[in-house]
């Protein structure tokens, strides 16, 4: 009977050892570089009256900010973002200031990540006035200025061209309701990868409840750096807001610090290894 119990203890010890070694490996792998693109997404929906054109501003976008924080957890302290606050007013309307009327292109500086040339059609740099939104439902996610893009019966397209290859890109967007937003990432070899942002699109104008909604989208791809990101959307008549663009090179990508639970698993795994070793001795 004693031999049987001893055998069961040894079997359980081995299983415990294997389980904890597996957990330890998984924990370590989670800290390594990702071999495939990793995306981050969070969305806060306004839930206004269906079909409403209210001037909606969400002041506390919990889900979008959480996605941004997860994304930022992989970036080091040298990472910069563009919030469009460094531009001055040139014109104004009743509800908002227009900084630049449909600029052909302008350059944004991202510090150690280099510069990005932003170019496209139907763009405006907008300053919010008296805490009101700009176009219905569009607004900055930080500060008072943001990049507005309108369709006005035509497809809207703009792109960021980087002077250095990037491994991370993220942004906030406001007031996407029914129109798709497609992103195309182009790498150093000219190869392209297209993604559609997974926001909650309404079926039509009459049923939409997401006027003024906000989302964050981010992508990290350490194995396939890109030199250009193209935004494309279409609608009969729409206005969208973009803010807080963030980019990072491969050198600025870091592994996040393990969560307390991960440290616990690693500690238990190491403890099991020591315990089994002592039992054998």
Foldseek 3Di string as FASTA:
>chain_A
DVVVVVVVVLVVLVVLLVVLVVLLVVLVVLFDDDQFKDKFKFWDFQQAAFLDLAQDADQDRPRQVVSVVVQCLFFDPLWAWFFLPPADFDAADDFWTWRDFFDQWDKDATGPQAIKIKGWGQKTWIFGDPPTADRRQAAGPDDGIWIKGKQQQHKTKMKIFGPDFFFKKKKKKIAQEAKWKKKWFAFPVRDIDIDIDPDDHDPDSRGTRRRNMMMMMMMGNLPTTGGMMMIIIHDRIDMMTMGTMITHHNVRGGGGDDDPVSVVSNVSNVVSVVVSVVVVD
